[in-house]
Structure formats: structure tokens, C-alpha cells
Amino acid sequence: AQHADGNDTFGIDGNLGTVVDMKVLGVWEPYAVKVQTFKTAIESATLLLRIDDIVSGITRKSAGPGAPKGPQVEDGENVDSERQLAE
């Protein structure tokens, strides 16, 4: 309700749980913290994408150039009996 009245510097005191003027308490949210949060999020996303590319590349290399892409369904014909699992 304080923000609606134009009091933009009001917030919640984490120690007492009351609404107070943050300017009076000397609490300021630094711009550097927000910037670092965005940088960390971007670095994390980039790292995950790189790992995904590496894993995908290893899978493609081990399958060979003529290997089919995507999951394959065995229909029971032309199956190597030595490689089948025991029932």
C-alpha cells in the first residue's frame, strides 16, 4: 500500500517483518547484484547447451555416418540371435 501512495522506498524489514522506509534503514539493492544474477544465468544456460552439444556429438560419432537417426523399433526380423537377451 505504501508504493501505491508514492512511497517507493518502502519495503519489508527482514528482521522485524514490518514495513519500513528502506532509505532510513540504509538498505539499497545494488545494480551490480542484478547484473551478476543475469550473467550467472546466461553462463549456466550456455554451459548446459555446450554439454548437450558434446553429448549429442559423441552419440553421432559412435553411431557412424550411415547410422539411422532417432529411436529404432525391432520387428523381430533380421535380428542377430547372439545379441538377443535371454528370455
C-alpha atoms as a PDB file:
ATOM      1  CA  ALA A   1       0.000   0.000   0.000  1.00  0.00           C
ATOM      2  CA  GLN A   2       2.941   2.328   0.609  1.00  0.00           C
ATOM      3  CA  HIS A   3       4.060   2.039  -3.029  1.00  0.00           C
ATOM      4  CA  ALA A   4       0.563   2.982  -4.239  1.00  0.00           C
ATOM      5  CA  ASP A   5       0.811   6.166  -2.157  1.00  0.00           C
ATOM      6  CA  GLY A   6       4.069   7.114  -3.885  1.00  0.00           C
ATOM      7  CA  ASN A   7       6.438   5.870  -1.181  1.00  0.00           C
ATOM      8  CA  ASP A   8       8.795   3.987  -3.494  1.00  0.00           C
ATOM      9  CA  THR A   9      11.493   3.371  -0.910  1.00  0.00           C
ATOM     10  CA  PHE A  10       9.354   1.328   1.482  1.00  0.00           C
ATOM     11  CA  GLY A  11       9.961  -2.381   1.929  1.00  0.00           C
ATOM     12  CA  ILE A  12       9.828  -5.188   4.479  1.00  0.00           C
ATOM     13  CA  ASP A  13      12.320  -5.258   7.322  1.00  0.00           C
ATOM     14  CA  GLY A  14      13.593  -8.830   7.260  1.00  0.00           C
ATOM     15  CA  ASN A  15      14.435  -8.808  10.965  1.00  0.00           C
ATOM     16  CA  LEU A  16      11.147  -7.462  12.319  1.00  0.00           C
ATOM     17  CA  GLY A  17       8.717  -8.296   9.498  1.00  0.00           C
ATOM     18  CA  THR A  18       7.360  -4.761   9.415  1.00  0.00           C
ATOM     19  CA  VAL A  19       7.006  -2.287   6.544  1.00  0.00           C
ATOM     20  CA  VAL A  20       9.636   0.437   6.885  1.00  0.00           C
ATOM     21  CA  ASP A  21      11.388   3.089   4.804  1.00  0.00           C
ATOM     22  CA  MET A  22      14.466   1.371   3.366  1.00  0.00           C
ATOM     23  CA  LYS A  23      16.152   4.742   2.832  1.00  0.00           C
ATOM     24  CA  VAL A  24      16.055   5.370   6.592  1.00  0.00           C
ATOM     25  CA  LEU A  25      17.491   1.890   7.290  1.00  0.00           C
ATOM     26  CA  GLY A  26      20.209   2.413   4.688  1.00  0.00           C
ATOM     27  CA  VAL A  27      19.238  -0.636   2.634  1.00  0.00           C
ATOM     28  CA  TRP A  28      19.778  -0.259  -1.116  1.00  0.00           C
ATOM     29  CA  GLU A  29      19.594  -3.001  -3.704  1.00  0.00           C
ATOM     30  CA  PRO A  30      22.719  -2.564  -5.764  1.00  0.00           C
ATOM     31  CA  TYR A  31      22.576  -2.699  -9.545  1.00  0.00           C
ATOM     32  CA  ALA A  32      25.698  -4.876  -9.543  1.00  0.00           C
ATOM     33  CA  VAL A  33      23.806  -7.739  -7.866  1.00  0.00           C
ATOM     34  CA  LYS A  34      21.160  -7.756 -10.592  1.00  0.00           C
ATOM     35  CA  VAL A  35      23.778  -7.645 -13.342  1.00  0.00           C
ATOM     36  CA  GLN A  36      25.710 -10.525 -11.787  1.00  0.00           C
ATOM     37  CA  THR A  37      22.498 -12.578 -11.481  1.00  0.00           C
ATOM     38  CA  PHE A  38      21.820 -12.189 -15.197  1.00  0.00           C
ATOM     39  CA  LYS A  39      25.428 -13.019 -16.085  1.00  0.00           C
ATOM     40  CA  THR A  40      25.323 -16.175 -13.962  1.00  0.00           C
ATOM     41  CA  ALA A  41      22.043 -17.282 -15.534  1.00  0.00           C
ATOM     42  CA  ILE A  42      23.422 -16.768 -19.051  1.00  0.00           C
ATOM     43  CA  GLU A  43      26.644 -18.621 -18.232  1.00  0.00           C
ATOM     44  CA  SER A  44      24.678 -21.544 -16.759  1.00  0.00           C
ATOM     45  CA  ALA A  45      22.424 -21.800 -19.807  1.00  0.00           C
ATOM     46  CA  THR A  46      25.436 -21.644 -22.138  1.00  0.00           C
ATOM     47  CA  LEU A  47      27.209 -24.372 -20.190  1.00  0.00           C
ATOM     48  CA  LEU A  48      24.163 -26.659 -20.368  1.00  0.00           C
ATOM     49  CA  LEU A  49      23.872 -26.116 -24.121  1.00  0.00           C
ATOM     50  CA  ARG A  50      27.563 -26.898 -24.603  1.00  0.00           C
ATOM     51  CA  ILE A  51      27.256 -30.115 -22.611  1.00  0.00           C
ATOM     52  CA  ASP A  52      24.223 -31.077 -24.697  1.00  0.00           C
ATOM     53  CA  ASP A  53      26.176 -30.442 -27.914  1.00  0.00           C
ATOM     54  CA  ILE A  54      29.098 -32.541 -26.668  1.00  0.00           C
ATOM     55  CA  VAL A  55      26.875 -35.461 -25.678  1.00  0.00           C
ATOM     56  CA  SER A  56      24.993 -35.282 -28.977  1.00  0.00           C
ATOM     57  CA  GLY A  57      28.284 -35.226 -30.902  1.00  0.00           C
ATOM     58  CA  ILE A  58      29.613 -38.287 -29.071  1.00  0.00           C
ATOM     59  CA  THR A  59      26.400 -40.172 -29.820  1.00  0.00           C
ATOM     60  CA  ARG A  60      26.587 -39.304 -33.524  1.00  0.00           C
ATOM     61  CA  LYS A  61      30.280 -40.249 -33.806  1.00  0.00           C
ATOM     62  CA  SER A  62      29.815 -43.619 -32.124  1.00  0.00           C
ATOM     63  CA  ALA A  63      26.844 -44.446 -34.343  1.00  0.00           C
ATOM     64  CA  GLY A  64      28.771 -43.772 -37.567  1.00  0.00           C
ATOM     65  CA  PRO A  65      27.901 -41.672 -40.592  1.00  0.00           C
ATOM     66  CA  GLY A  66      25.295 -44.031 -42.071  1.00  0.00           C
ATOM     67  CA  ALA A  67      23.542 -44.812 -38.817  1.00  0.00           C
ATOM     68  CA  PRO A  68      19.855 -44.004 -38.610  1.00  0.00           C
ATOM     69  CA  LYS A  69      18.888 -41.010 -36.514  1.00  0.00           C
ATOM     70  CA  GLY A  70      16.327 -41.409 -33.768  1.00  0.00           C
ATOM     71  CA  PRO A  71      14.969 -44.485 -31.991  1.00  0.00           C
ATOM     72  CA  GLN A  72      14.528 -47.675 -33.983  1.00  0.00           C
ATOM     73  CA  VAL A  73      11.904 -50.362 -33.463  1.00  0.00           C
ATOM     74  CA  GLU A  74      12.871 -54.009 -33.959  1.00  0.00           C
ATOM     75  CA  ASP A  75      10.240 -56.071 -35.737  1.00  0.00           C
ATOM     76  CA  GLY A  76      11.896 -59.407 -34.985  1.00  0.00           C
ATOM     77  CA  GLU A  77      13.245 -59.995 -38.478  1.00  0.00           C
ATOM     78  CA  ASN A  78      16.963 -59.771 -39.255  1.00  0.00           C
ATOM     79  CA  VAL A  79      17.869 -59.828 -35.582  1.00  0.00           C
ATOM     80  CA  ASP A  80      21.256 -61.204 -34.601  1.00  0.00           C
ATOM     81  CA  SER A  81      20.364 -64.095 -32.296  1.00  0.00           C
ATOM     82  CA  GLU A  82      23.697 -63.882 -30.467  1.00  0.00           C
ATOM     83  CA  ARG A  83      22.937 -60.335 -29.392  1.00  0.00           C
ATOM     84  CA  GLN A  84      19.393 -61.034 -28.199  1.00  0.00           C
ATOM     85  CA  LEU A  85      18.732 -61.087 -24.480  1.00  0.00           C
ATOM     86  CA  ALA A  86      17.896 -64.430 -22.900  1.00  0.00           C
ATOM     87  CA  GLU A  87      14.227 -64.795 -22.132  1.00  0.00           C
END
